[in-house]
Structures are given as C-alpha cells and as structure tokens.
C-alpha cells in the first residue's frame, strides 16, 4: 500500500500537470507527501573560467535557491489546503535524478510521482532526462510518470 509519495518538481508545466495526479493518489491512499525541488547551476564552471566574479555566480545561485523555496512553500500550502499531509520539503543543489533517488530512499517513500516532458526515447537518450534516469535507477521504489498533455 502507498503511504508516502515523493513529488519532485522543477516548477515546469509538466510538474504542475502531475500535481493533479499527486492530489488524486495522495487522497486515494491517504498518503503523506514529500516535495523535492533541485537546482543545479551547470554554467558555474564555465563562467568562472571567463573571469566572472564569484559574487555574480553566488547571487545567481541564491536566486535559484530562493525561487525553489518559494515554489516549495506554495506547493506545501496548496496540498495542505486540499487536506494532504506534507511530511517534508527539500530544496537541494545538485543533480536532480540523483537527488530524487537519494531522497526517496532516505525518506522511506513508497512511490515517486513526477511529470515528464516526453522527449521520446532517442532524444532522451541523447540529451538525457531526469525521468529516464530515475526510472532506470530506482530499483526499490516504483516510479509513476505523468506525460505533458
């Protein structure tokens, strides 16, 4: 039985479309929810090579972190207003796929429910996708993917 759902989100249309499924499943199973937002400033190493001041990079990272905290706060409030219990929220810097696997196991989740952009098999293999990574590395926890309509 599903008792604890991890909902990774990046604030995209895909994740907001998945929110409706999250509400439905959380209510159906009376499950608690953990919400995860990750951010990774991949251009940091490039900018530092070109003499970009570290204060600019730090300011940009702070902005990404703050935006994540705001998103998590809004989602937590929305879910709680719907009568869904939010166990934890996480706003972490790093690779999204790896963070999803780590937090899902650390928090003892029974299900990972997330949106996907639906890049297609070849495109996701070439470009890589978070959902593709999670499906292939979540050996203990089922993954429920919601494609963008």
Foldseek 3Di string as FASTA:
>chain_A
DFAEEEQEDAPDLQSVVLVVVVLVVCVVVVHAYEYEYEAEPVCVVVCVVVVDDVVVVVVVVVVSQVVQVVVVVVSCVVSVVSVHHYPYYYYYYDDLLVVVLVCCVVVVGQEYEYEDACPDDVRCVVVPDSVVSNCVPNPPHYYHYDYRD
